[in-house]
Amino acid sequence: MKQPKPYLLGVMSGIDAIISYLPVSEADFMADPKSQDAILMRLQDIGENLSRLREGFPDFWEAHATNAWVKAIGLRNLISHGYGDVDLAVIWDLVNNDFPAFKQSIEKLL
């Protein structure tokens, strides 16, 4: 029987990768297209894992999902379908300020 855990592990893997890719300053991030691409790709992957979790395990989703999880799916769609519209300053703020709580929401389920 399929379980939600592999999707949660996929999210956690993406979070950890983003943290490891993150330059030390916003200026460094803005000047480094490789870091931007790597982080955006991982954000897409996080959103995809959460989307599959929502589709495959609706009861689990209903019991545990946070608003940040829903936003991560929306961000995945924005990155996937409107790459030129991604505001990198918003991405920088997200991964620096919102990731600790987001990561904690996943860790508590593993």
PDB file of N, CA and C in Angstrom:
ATOM      1  N   MET A   1       0.846  -1.191   0.000  1.00  0.00           N
ATOM      2  CA  MET A   1       0.000   0.000   0.000  1.00  0.00           C
ATOM      3  C   MET A   1       0.887   1.248   0.000  1.00  0.00           C
ATOM      4  N   LYS A   2       0.513   2.198  -0.815  1.00  0.00           N
ATOM      5  CA  LYS A   2       1.278   3.443  -0.889  1.00  0.00           C
ATOM      6  C   LYS A   2       1.109   4.241   0.400  1.00  0.00           C
ATOM      7  N   GLN A   3       2.149   4.953   0.733  1.00  0.00           N
ATOM      8  CA  GLN A   3       2.173   5.762   1.948  1.00  0.00           C
ATOM      9  C   GLN A   3       2.581   7.197   1.607  1.00  0.00           C
ATOM     10  N   PRO A   4       2.223   8.152   2.459  1.00  0.00           N
ATOM     11  CA  PRO A   4       2.626   9.537   2.214  1.00  0.00           C
ATOM     12  C   PRO A   4       4.106   9.807   2.486  1.00  0.00           C
ATOM     13  N   LYS A   5       4.758   8.937   3.239  1.00  0.00           N
ATOM     14  CA  LYS A   5       6.128   9.212   3.674  1.00  0.00           C
ATOM     15  C   LYS A   5       7.107   9.498   2.535  1.00  0.00           C
ATOM     16  N   PRO A   6       7.101   8.759   1.434  1.00  0.00           N
ATOM     17  CA  PRO A   6       8.058   9.081   0.368  1.00  0.00           C
ATOM     18  C   PRO A   6       7.906  10.513  -0.160  1.00  0.00           C
ATOM     19  N   TYR A   7       6.680  11.015  -0.206  1.00  0.00           N
ATOM     20  CA  TYR A   7       6.466  12.383  -0.666  1.00  0.00           C
ATOM     21  C   TYR A   7       6.998  13.390   0.354  1.00  0.00           C
ATOM     22  N   LEU A   8       6.780  13.093   1.626  1.00  0.00           N
ATOM     23  CA  LEU A   8       7.321  13.963   2.677  1.00  0.00           C
ATOM     24  C   LEU A   8       8.846  13.957   2.659  1.00  0.00           C
ATOM     25  N   LEU A   9       9.429  12.795   2.432  1.00  0.00           N
ATOM     26  CA  LEU A   9      10.883  12.709   2.325  1.00  0.00           C
ATOM     27  C   LEU A   9      11.391  13.488   1.112  1.00  0.00           C
ATOM     28  N   GLY A  10      10.641  13.459   0.034  1.00  0.00           N
ATOM     29  CA  GLY A  10      10.996  14.243  -1.151  1.00  0.00           C
ATOM     30  C   GLY A  10      10.972  15.733  -0.863  1.00  0.00           C
ATOM     31  N   VAL A  11       9.977  16.167  -0.115  1.00  0.00           N
ATOM     32  CA  VAL A  11       9.899  17.575   0.283  1.00  0.00           C
ATOM     33  C   VAL A  11      11.103  17.923   1.153  1.00  0.00           C
ATOM     34  N   MET A  12      11.390  17.081   2.124  1.00  0.00           N
ATOM     35  CA  MET A  12      12.504  17.351   3.034  1.00  0.00           C
ATOM     36  C   MET A  12      13.833  17.388   2.278  1.00  0.00           C
ATOM     37  N   SER A  13      13.999  16.493   1.334  1.00  0.00           N
ATOM     38  CA  SER A  13      15.206  16.486   0.520  1.00  0.00           C
ATOM     39  C   SER A  13      15.358  17.799  -0.241  1.00  0.00           C
ATOM     40  N   GLY A  14      14.263  18.294  -0.782  1.00  0.00           N
ATOM     41  CA  GLY A  14      14.290  19.570  -1.493  1.00  0.00           C
ATOM     42  C   GLY A  14      14.629  20.728  -0.574  1.00  0.00           C
ATOM     43  N   ILE A  15      14.058  20.738   0.603  1.00  0.00           N
ATOM     44  CA  ILE A  15      14.343  21.796   1.580  1.00  0.00           C
ATOM     45  C   ILE A  15      15.827  21.782   1.938  1.00  0.00           C
ATOM     46  N   ASP A  16      16.340  20.609   2.256  1.00  0.00           N
ATOM     47  CA  ASP A  16      17.751  20.502   2.630  1.00  0.00           C
ATOM     48  C   ASP A  16      18.671  20.931   1.490  1.00  0.00           C
ATOM     49  N   ALA A  17      18.320  20.567   0.274  1.00  0.00           N
ATOM     50  CA  ALA A  17      19.131  20.966  -0.880  1.00  0.00           C
ATOM     51  C   ALA A  17      19.122  22.483  -1.038  1.00  0.00           C
ATOM     52  N   ILE A  18      17.959  23.091  -0.932  1.00  0.00           N
ATOM     53  CA  ILE A  18      17.869  24.549  -1.059  1.00  0.00           C
ATOM     54  C   ILE A  18      18.728  25.235  -0.005  1.00  0.00           C
ATOM     55  N   ILE A  19      18.652  24.761   1.208  1.00  0.00           N
ATOM     56  CA  ILE A  19      19.459  25.347   2.279  1.00  0.00           C
ATOM     57  C   ILE A  19      20.949  25.232   1.941  1.00  0.00           C
ATOM     58  N   SER A  20      21.343  24.109   1.371  1.00  0.00           N
ATOM     59  CA  SER A  20      22.762  23.928   1.028  1.00  0.00           C
ATOM     60  C   SER A  20      23.177  24.780  -0.168  1.00  0.00           C
ATOM     61  N   TYR A  21      22.254  25.103  -1.061  1.00  0.00           N
ATOM     62  CA  TYR A  21      22.559  25.895  -2.254  1.00  0.00           C
ATOM     63  C   TYR A  21      22.550  27.397  -1.987  1.00  0.00           C
ATOM     64  N   LEU A  22      21.933  27.805  -0.904  1.00  0.00           N
ATOM     65  CA  LEU A  22      21.665  29.217  -0.672  1.00  0.00           C
ATOM     66  C   LEU A  22      22.940  30.029  -0.482  1.00  0.00           C
ATOM     67  N   PRO A  23      23.170  31.030  -1.325  1.00  0.00           N
ATOM     68  CA  PRO A  23      24.316  31.917  -1.121  1.00  0.00           C
ATOM     69  C   PRO A  23      24.173  32.685   0.197  1.00  0.00           C
ATOM     70  N   VAL A  24      25.268  33.288   0.629  1.00  0.00           N
ATOM     71  CA  VAL A  24      25.273  33.950   1.935  1.00  0.00           C
ATOM     72  C   VAL A  24      24.514  35.277   1.949  1.00  0.00           C
ATOM     73  N   SER A  25      24.326  35.892   0.795  1.00  0.00           N
ATOM     74  CA  SER A  25      23.626  37.179   0.775  1.00  0.00           C
ATOM     75  C   SER A  25      22.657  37.238  -0.396  1.00  0.00           C
ATOM     76  N   GLU A  26      21.707  38.144  -0.286  1.00  0.00           N
ATOM     77  CA  GLU A  26      20.751  38.338  -1.372  1.00  0.00           C
ATOM     78  C   GLU A  26      21.471  38.815  -2.633  1.00  0.00           C
ATOM     79  N   ALA A  27      22.458  39.682  -2.479  1.00  0.00           N
ATOM     80  CA  ALA A  27      23.213  40.169  -3.643  1.00  0.00           C
ATOM     81  C   ALA A  27      23.908  39.009  -4.353  1.00  0.00           C
ATOM     82  N   ASP A  28      24.482  38.094  -3.577  1.00  0.00           N
ATOM     83  CA  ASP A  28      25.123  36.920  -4.182  1.00  0.00           C
ATOM     84  C   ASP A  28      24.100  36.056  -4.905  1.00  0.00           C
ATOM     85  N   PHE A  29      22.933  35.904  -4.309  1.00  0.00           N
ATOM     86  CA  PHE A  29      21.866  35.124  -4.944  1.00  0.00           C
ATOM     87  C   PHE A  29      21.445  35.766  -6.260  1.00  0.00           C
ATOM     88  N   MET A  30      21.248  37.066  -6.257  1.00  0.00           N
ATOM     89  CA  MET A  30      20.798  37.771  -7.462  1.00  0.00           C
ATOM     90  C   MET A  30      21.843  37.720  -8.576  1.00  0.00           C
ATOM     91  N   ALA A  31      23.102  37.559  -8.204  1.00  0.00           N
ATOM     92  CA  ALA A  31      24.181  37.533  -9.190  1.00  0.00           C
ATOM     93  C   ALA A  31      24.560  36.118  -9.629  1.00  0.00           C
ATOM     94  N   ASP A  32      23.862  35.109  -9.131  1.00  0.00           N
ATOM     95  CA  ASP A  32      24.249  33.723  -9.392  1.00  0.00           C
ATOM     96  C   ASP A  32      23.114  32.935 -10.043  1.00  0.00           C
ATOM     97  N   PRO A  33      23.048  32.944 -11.371  1.00  0.00           N
ATOM     98  CA  PRO A  33      21.975  32.219 -12.060  1.00  0.00           C
ATOM     99  C   PRO A  33      21.946  30.723 -11.755  1.00  0.00           C
ATOM    100  N   LYS A  34      23.106  30.128 -11.476  1.00  0.00           N
ATOM    101  CA  LYS A  34      23.110  28.692 -11.163  1.00  0.00           C
ATOM    102  C   LYS A  34      22.392  28.416  -9.847  1.00  0.00           C
ATOM    103  N   SER A  35      22.629  29.233  -8.839  1.00  0.00           N
ATOM    104  CA  SER A  35      21.912  29.073  -7.566  1.00  0.00           C
ATOM    105  C   SER A  35      20.426  29.327  -7.758  1.00  0.00           C
ATOM    106  N   GLN A  36      20.092  30.338  -8.526  1.00  0.00           N
ATOM    107  CA  GLN A  36      18.684  30.632  -8.802  1.00  0.00           C
ATOM    108  C   GLN A  36      18.009  29.424  -9.448  1.00  0.00           C
ATOM    109  N   ASP A  37      18.649  28.892 -10.491  1.00  0.00           N
ATOM    110  CA  ASP A  37      18.065  27.746 -11.192  1.00  0.00           C
ATOM    111  C   ASP A  37      17.928  26.532 -10.281  1.00  0.00           C
ATOM    112  N   ALA A  38      18.963  26.261  -9.497  1.00  0.00           N
ATOM    113  CA  ALA A  38      18.936  25.094  -8.609  1.00  0.00           C
ATOM    114  C   ALA A  38      17.834  25.235  -7.566  1.00  0.00           C
ATOM    115  N   ILE A  39      17.704  26.405  -6.989  1.00  0.00           N
ATOM    116  CA  ILE A  39      16.692  26.626  -5.959  1.00  0.00           C
ATOM    117  C   ILE A  39      15.296  26.579  -6.556  1.00  0.00           C
ATOM    118  N   LEU A  40      15.107  27.204  -7.715  1.00  0.00           N
ATOM    119  CA  LEU A  40      13.788  27.164  -8.355  1.00  0.00           C
ATOM    120  C   LEU A  40      13.411  25.734  -8.733  1.00  0.00           C
ATOM    121  N   MET A  41      14.372  24.960  -9.201  1.00  0.00           N
ATOM    122  CA  MET A  41      14.088  23.560  -9.543  1.00  0.00           C
ATOM    123  C   MET A  41      13.659  22.777  -8.313  1.00  0.00           C
ATOM    124  N   ARG A  42      14.336  22.982  -7.218  1.00  0.00           N
ATOM    125  CA  ARG A  42      13.970  22.281  -5.982  1.00  0.00           C
ATOM    126  C   ARG A  42      12.612  22.749  -5.468  1.00  0.00           C
ATOM    127  N   LEU A  43      12.304  24.033  -5.623  1.00  0.00           N
ATOM    128  CA  LEU A  43      10.974  24.509  -5.215  1.00  0.00           C
ATOM    129  C   LEU A  43       9.886  23.854  -6.064  1.00  0.00           C
ATOM    130  N   GLN A  44      10.168  23.660  -7.350  1.00  0.00           N
ATOM    131  CA  GLN A  44       9.222  22.945  -8.205  1.00  0.00           C
ATOM    132  C   GLN A  44       9.020  21.518  -7.698  1.00  0.00           C
ATOM    133  N   ASP A  45      10.104  20.872  -7.360  1.00  0.00           N
ATOM    134  CA  ASP A  45      10.048  19.494  -6.885  1.00  0.00           C
ATOM    135  C   ASP A  45       9.270  19.395  -5.571  1.00  0.00           C
ATOM    136  N   ILE A  46       9.485  20.339  -4.685  1.00  0.00           N
ATOM    137  CA  ILE A  46       8.738  20.369  -3.424  1.00  0.00           C
ATOM    138  C   ILE A  46       7.247  20.490  -3.708  1.00  0.00           C
ATOM    139  N   GLY A  47       6.886  21.422  -4.575  1.00  0.00           N
ATOM    140  CA  GLY A  47       5.478  21.610  -4.922  1.00  0.00           C
ATOM    141  C   GLY A  47       4.874  20.385  -5.576  1.00  0.00           C
ATOM    142  N   GLU A  48       5.647  19.723  -6.423  1.00  0.00           N
ATOM    143  CA  GLU A  48       5.158  18.510  -7.085  1.00  0.00           C
ATOM    144  C   GLU A  48       4.915  17.400  -6.070  1.00  0.00           C
ATOM    145  N   ASN A  49       5.840  17.210  -5.140  1.00  0.00           N
ATOM    146  CA  ASN A  49       5.645  16.194  -4.099  1.00  0.00           C
ATOM    147  C   ASN A  49       4.405  16.493  -3.263  1.00  0.00           C
ATOM    148  N   LEU A  50       4.212  17.745  -2.926  1.00  0.00           N
ATOM    149  CA  LEU A  50       3.029  18.106  -2.139  1.00  0.00           C
ATOM    150  C   LEU A  50       1.751  17.932  -2.948  1.00  0.00           C
ATOM    151  N   SER A  51       1.799  18.238  -4.228  1.00  0.00           N
ATOM    152  CA  SER A  51       0.640  18.037  -5.086  1.00  0.00           C
ATOM    153  C   SER A  51       0.261  16.561  -5.164  1.00  0.00           C
ATOM    154  N   ARG A  52       1.247  15.722  -5.303  1.00  0.00           N
ATOM    155  CA  ARG A  52       0.986  14.273  -5.351  1.00  0.00           C
ATOM    156  C   ARG A  52       0.479  13.758  -4.010  1.00  0.00           C
ATOM    157  N   LEU A  53       0.984  14.326  -2.939  1.00  0.00           N
ATOM    158  CA  LEU A  53       0.501  13.963  -1.605  1.00  0.00           C
ATOM    159  C   LEU A  53      -0.978  14.346  -1.463  1.00  0.00           C
ATOM    160  N   ARG A  54      -1.315  15.552  -1.911  1.00  0.00           N
ATOM    161  CA  ARG A  54      -2.709  16.016  -1.836  1.00  0.00           C
ATOM    162  C   ARG A  54      -3.637  15.133  -2.664  1.00  0.00           C
ATOM    163  N   GLU A  55      -3.185  14.757  -3.863  1.00  0.00           N
ATOM    164  CA  GLU A  55      -4.012  13.932  -4.744  1.00  0.00           C
ATOM    165  C   GLU A  55      -4.128  12.490  -4.256  1.00  0.00           C
ATOM    166  N   GLY A  56      -3.032  11.951  -3.768  1.00  0.00           N
ATOM    167  CA  GLY A  56      -3.006  10.536  -3.412  1.00  0.00           C
ATOM    168  C   GLY A  56      -3.500  10.205  -2.021  1.00  0.00           C
ATOM    169  N   PHE A  57      -3.456  11.206  -1.134  1.00  0.00           N
ATOM    170  CA  PHE A  57      -3.795  10.964   0.262  1.00  0.00           C
ATOM    171  C   PHE A  57      -4.647  12.114   0.803  1.00  0.00           C
ATOM    172  N   PRO A  58      -5.864  12.249   0.284  1.00  0.00           N
ATOM    173  CA  PRO A  58      -6.688  13.402   0.681  1.00  0.00           C
ATOM    174  C   PRO A  58      -6.989  13.472   2.179  1.00  0.00           C
ATOM    175  N   ASP A  59      -7.146  12.349   2.831  1.00  0.00           N
ATOM    176  CA  ASP A  59      -7.410  12.374   4.273  1.00  0.00           C
ATOM    177  C   ASP A  59      -6.181  12.858   5.041  1.00  0.00           C
ATOM    178  N   PHE A  60      -5.014  12.388   4.641  1.00  0.00           N
ATOM    179  CA  PHE A  60      -3.765  12.841   5.251  1.00  0.00           C
ATOM    180  C   PHE A  60      -3.586  14.336   5.005  1.00  0.00           C
ATOM    181  N   TRP A  61      -3.839  14.760   3.783  1.00  0.00           N
ATOM    182  CA  TRP A  61      -3.722  16.174   3.420  1.00  0.00           C
ATOM    183  C   TRP A  61      -4.641  17.015   4.301  1.00  0.00           C
ATOM    184  N   GLU A  62      -5.864  16.607   4.408  1.00  0.00           N
ATOM    185  CA  GLU A  62      -6.843  17.362   5.206  1.00  0.00           C
ATOM    186  C   GLU A  62      -6.402  17.473   6.660  1.00  0.00           C
ATOM    187  N   ALA A  63      -5.812  16.431   7.180  1.00  0.00           N
ATOM    188  CA  ALA A  63      -5.416  16.407   8.588  1.00  0.00           C
ATOM    189  C   ALA A  63      -4.131  17.193   8.868  1.00  0.00           C
ATOM    190  N   HIS A  64      -3.245  17.323   7.881  1.00  0.00           N
ATOM    191  CA  HIS A  64      -1.914  17.851   8.172  1.00  0.00           C
ATOM    192  C   HIS A  64      -1.468  19.063   7.362  1.00  0.00           C
ATOM    193  N   ALA A  65      -2.078  19.315   6.233  1.00  0.00           N
ATOM    194  CA  ALA A  65      -1.600  20.378   5.346  1.00  0.00           C
ATOM    195  C   ALA A  65      -1.687  21.746   6.014  1.00  0.00           C
ATOM    196  N   THR A  66      -0.712  22.564   5.697  1.00  0.00           N
ATOM    197  CA  THR A  66      -0.703  23.946   6.164  1.00  0.00           C
ATOM    198  C   THR A  66      -0.910  24.865   4.966  1.00  0.00           C
ATOM    199  N   ASN A  67      -1.159  26.121   5.250  1.00  0.00           N
ATOM    200  CA  ASN A  67      -1.297  27.102   4.179  1.00  0.00           C
ATOM    201  C   ASN A  67      -0.015  27.171   3.346  1.00  0.00           C
ATOM    202  N   ALA A  68       1.132  26.993   3.993  1.00  0.00           N
ATOM    203  CA  ALA A  68       2.412  27.012   3.278  1.00  0.00           C
ATOM    204  C   ALA A  68       2.492  25.871   2.263  1.00  0.00           C
ATOM    205  N   TRP A  69       1.904  24.731   2.569  1.00  0.00           N
ATOM    206  CA  TRP A  69       1.913  23.613   1.626  1.00  0.00           C
ATOM    207  C   TRP A  69       1.130  23.982   0.371  1.00  0.00           C
ATOM    208  N   VAL A  70      -0.024  24.612   0.567  1.00  0.00           N
ATOM    209  CA  VAL A  70      -0.859  25.039  -0.565  1.00  0.00           C
ATOM    210  C   VAL A  70      -0.096  26.077  -1.397  1.00  0.00           C
ATOM    211  N   LYS A  71       0.560  27.009  -0.726  1.00  0.00           N
ATOM    212  CA  LYS A  71       1.336  28.029  -1.432  1.00  0.00           C
ATOM    213  C   LYS A  71       2.503  27.407  -2.193  1.00  0.00           C
ATOM    214  N   ALA A  72       3.111  26.364  -1.646  1.00  0.00           N
ATOM    215  CA  ALA A  72       4.225  25.693  -2.326  1.00  0.00           C
ATOM    216  C   ALA A  72       3.761  25.072  -3.638  1.00  0.00           C
ATOM    217  N   ILE A  73       2.557  24.538  -3.661  1.00  0.00           N
ATOM    218  CA  ILE A  73       2.004  23.986  -4.900  1.00  0.00           C
ATOM    219  C   ILE A  73       1.764  25.115  -5.902  1.00  0.00           C
ATOM    220  N   GLY A  74       1.231  26.216  -5.433  1.00  0.00           N
ATOM    221  CA  GLY A  74       1.019  27.370  -6.314  1.00  0.00           C
ATOM    222  C   GLY A  74       2.330  27.913  -6.864  1.00  0.00           C
ATOM    223  N   LEU A  75       3.357  27.939  -6.025  1.00  0.00           N
ATOM    224  CA  LEU A  75       4.668  28.402  -6.462  1.00  0.00           C
ATOM    225  C   LEU A  75       5.234  27.466  -7.521  1.00  0.00           C
ATOM    226  N   ARG A  76       5.050  26.179  -7.330  1.00  0.00           N
ATOM    227  CA  ARG A  76       5.490  25.198  -8.324  1.00  0.00           C
ATOM    228  C   ARG A  76       4.858  25.501  -9.672  1.00  0.00           C
ATOM    229  N   ASN A  77       3.563  25.794  -9.666  1.00  0.00           N
ATOM    230  CA  ASN A  77       2.863  26.087 -10.912  1.00  0.00           C
ATOM    231  C   ASN A  77       3.380  27.381 -11.544  1.00  0.00           C
ATOM    232  N   LEU A  78       3.640  28.386 -10.732  1.00  0.00           N
ATOM    233  CA  LEU A  78       4.171  29.651 -11.246  1.00  0.00           C
ATOM    234  C   LEU A  78       5.545  29.441 -11.878  1.00  0.00           C
ATOM    235  N   ILE A  79       6.414  28.723 -11.188  1.00  0.00           N
ATOM    236  CA  ILE A  79       7.755  28.468 -11.716  1.00  0.00           C
ATOM    237  C   ILE A  79       7.661  27.647 -13.003  1.00  0.00           C
ATOM    238  N   SER A  80       6.811  26.650 -13.018  1.00  0.00           N
ATOM    239  CA  SER A  80       6.703  25.754 -14.176  1.00  0.00           C
ATOM    240  C   SER A  80       6.119  26.440 -15.405  1.00  0.00           C
ATOM    241  N   HIS A  81       5.176  27.323 -15.188  1.00  0.00           N
ATOM    242  CA  HIS A  81       4.429  27.867 -16.322  1.00  0.00           C
ATOM    243  C   HIS A  81       4.659  29.349 -16.566  1.00  0.00           C
ATOM    244  N   GLY A  82       5.374  30.007 -15.680  1.00  0.00           N
ATOM    245  CA  GLY A  82       5.607  31.432 -15.859  1.00  0.00           C
ATOM    246  C   GLY A  82       6.966  31.847 -15.363  1.00  0.00           C
ATOM    247  N   TYR A  83       7.973  31.114 -15.819  1.00  0.00           N
ATOM    248  CA  TYR A  83       9.330  31.294 -15.296  1.00  0.00           C
ATOM    249  C   TYR A  83       9.764  32.752 -15.295  1.00  0.00           C
ATOM    250  N   GLY A  84       9.468  33.488 -16.340  1.00  0.00           N
ATOM    251  CA  GLY A  84       9.869  34.889 -16.423  1.00  0.00           C
ATOM    252  C   GLY A  84       9.178  35.781 -15.412  1.00  0.00           C
ATOM    253  N   ASP A  85       8.094  35.285 -14.826  1.00  0.00           N
ATOM    254  CA  ASP A  85       7.333  36.080 -13.870  1.00  0.00           C
ATOM    255  C   ASP A  85       7.761  35.855 -12.424  1.00  0.00           C
ATOM    256  N   VAL A  86       8.747  35.013 -12.193  1.00  0.00           N
ATOM    257  CA  VAL A  86       9.204  34.711 -10.839  1.00  0.00           C
ATOM    258  C   VAL A  86      10.014  35.898 -10.312  1.00  0.00           C
ATOM    259  N   ASP A  87       9.603  36.402  -9.164  1.00  0.00           N
ATOM    260  CA  ASP A  87      10.309  37.506  -8.512  1.00  0.00           C
ATOM    261  C   ASP A  87      11.362  36.907  -7.586  1.00  0.00           C
ATOM    262  N   LEU A  88      12.616  37.033  -7.962  1.00  0.00           N
ATOM    263  CA  LEU A  88      13.685  36.407  -7.191  1.00  0.00           C
ATOM    264  C   LEU A  88      13.827  36.993  -5.795  1.00  0.00           C
ATOM    265  N   ALA A  89      13.437  38.241  -5.607  1.00  0.00           N
ATOM    266  CA  ALA A  89      13.469  38.829  -4.265  1.00  0.00           C
ATOM    267  C   ALA A  89      12.467  38.121  -3.357  1.00  0.00           C
ATOM    268  N   VAL A  90      11.338  37.750  -3.904  1.00  0.00           N
ATOM    269  CA  VAL A  90      10.335  37.005  -3.137  1.00  0.00           C
ATOM    270  C   VAL A  90      10.868  35.611  -2.806  1.00  0.00           C
ATOM    271  N   ILE A  91      11.524  34.986  -3.762  1.00  0.00           N
ATOM    272  CA  ILE A  91      12.108  33.663  -3.522  1.00  0.00           C
ATOM    273  C   ILE A  91      13.158  33.754  -2.414  1.00  0.00           C
ATOM    274  N   TRP A  92      14.015  34.765  -2.469  1.00  0.00           N
ATOM    275  CA  TRP A  92      15.040  34.951  -1.433  1.00  0.00           C
ATOM    276  C   TRP A  92      14.378  35.089  -0.062  1.00  0.00           C
ATOM    277  N   ASP A  93      13.363  35.916   0.021  1.00  0.00           N
ATOM    278  CA  ASP A  93      12.652  36.129   1.290  1.00  0.00           C
ATOM    279  C   ASP A  93      12.014  34.824   1.778  1.00  0.00           C
ATOM    280  N   LEU A  94      11.405  34.109   0.876  1.00  0.00           N
ATOM    281  CA  LEU A  94      10.739  32.850   1.216  1.00  0.00           C
ATOM    282  C   LEU A  94      11.714  31.851   1.827  1.00  0.00           C
ATOM    283  N   VAL A  95      12.828  31.614   1.154  1.00  0.00           N
ATOM    284  CA  VAL A  95      13.739  30.582   1.638  1.00  0.00           C
ATOM    285  C   VAL A  95      14.506  31.023   2.882  1.00  0.00           C
ATOM    286  N   ASN A  96      14.602  32.308   3.115  1.00  0.00           N
ATOM    287  CA  ASN A  96      15.295  32.782   4.310  1.00  0.00           C
ATOM    288  C   ASN A  96      14.386  32.966   5.512  1.00  0.00           C
ATOM    289  N   ASN A  97      13.127  33.276   5.272  1.00  0.00           N
ATOM    290  CA  ASN A  97      12.238  33.601   6.393  1.00  0.00           C
ATOM    291  C   ASN A  97      11.142  32.573   6.645  1.00  0.00           C
ATOM    292  N   ASP A  98      10.666  31.921   5.607  1.00  0.00           N
ATOM    293  CA  ASP A  98       9.542  31.005   5.769  1.00  0.00           C
ATOM    294  C   ASP A  98       9.954  29.542   5.872  1.00  0.00           C
ATOM    295  N   PHE A  99      11.179  29.228   5.472  1.00  0.00           N
ATOM    296  CA  PHE A  99      11.599  27.831   5.442  1.00  0.00           C
ATOM    297  C   PHE A  99      11.682  27.158   6.807  1.00  0.00           C
ATOM    298  N   PRO A 100      12.117  27.827   7.873  1.00  0.00           N
ATOM    299  CA  PRO A 100      12.181  27.113   9.158  1.00  0.00           C
ATOM    300  C   PRO A 100      10.830  26.526   9.588  1.00  0.00           C
ATOM    301  N   ALA A 101       9.776  27.312   9.517  1.00  0.00           N
ATOM    302  CA  ALA A 101       8.447  26.813   9.904  1.00  0.00           C
ATOM    303  C   ALA A 101       7.948  25.759   8.913  1.00  0.00           C
ATOM    304  N   PHE A 102       8.224  25.981   7.644  1.00  0.00           N
ATOM    305  CA  PHE A 102       7.822  25.014   6.615  1.00  0.00           C
ATOM    306  C   PHE A 102       8.514  23.680   6.854  1.00  0.00           C
ATOM    307  N   LYS A 103       9.818  23.731   7.091  1.00  0.00           N
ATOM    308  CA  LYS A 103      10.582  22.513   7.353  1.00  0.00           C
ATOM    309  C   LYS A 103      10.051  21.799   8.601  1.00  0.00           C
ATOM    310  N   GLN A 104       9.758  22.557   9.620  1.00  0.00           N
ATOM    311  CA  GLN A 104       9.243  21.970  10.853  1.00  0.00           C
ATOM    312  C   GLN A 104       7.900  21.276  10.630  1.00  0.00           C
ATOM    313  N   SER A 105       7.056  21.838   9.769  1.00  0.00           N
ATOM    314  CA  SER A 105       5.756  21.218   9.505  1.00  0.00           C
ATOM    315  C   SER A 105       5.908  19.855   8.833  1.00  0.00           C
ATOM    316  N   ILE A 106       6.985  19.690   8.087  1.00  0.00           N
ATOM    317  CA  ILE A 106       7.251  18.389   7.436  1.00  0.00           C
ATOM    318  C   ILE A 106       7.940  17.439   8.422  1.00  0.00           C
ATOM    319  N   GLU A 107       8.931  17.950   9.145  1.00  0.00           N
ATOM    320  CA  GLU A 107       9.688  17.105  10.091  1.00  0.00           C
ATOM    321  C   GLU A 107       8.789  16.447  11.125  1.00  0.00           C
ATOM    322  N   LYS A 108       7.792  17.156  11.591  1.00  0.00           N
ATOM    323  CA  LYS A 108       6.954  16.585  12.647  1.00  0.00           C
ATOM    324  C   LYS A 108       6.140  15.386  12.159  1.00  0.00           C
ATOM    325  N   LEU A 109       6.042  15.212  10.854  1.00  0.00           N
ATOM    326  CA  LEU A 109       5.289  14.098  10.293  1.00  0.00           C
ATOM    327  C   LEU A 109       6.166  12.908   9.910  1.00  0.00           C
ATOM    328  N   LEU A 110       7.457  13.091   9.994  1.00  0.00           N
ATOM    329  CA  LEU A 110       8.377  11.998   9.614  1.00  0.00           C
ATOM    330  C   LEU A 110       8.782  11.172  10.822  1.00  0.00           C
TER     331      LEU A 110
END
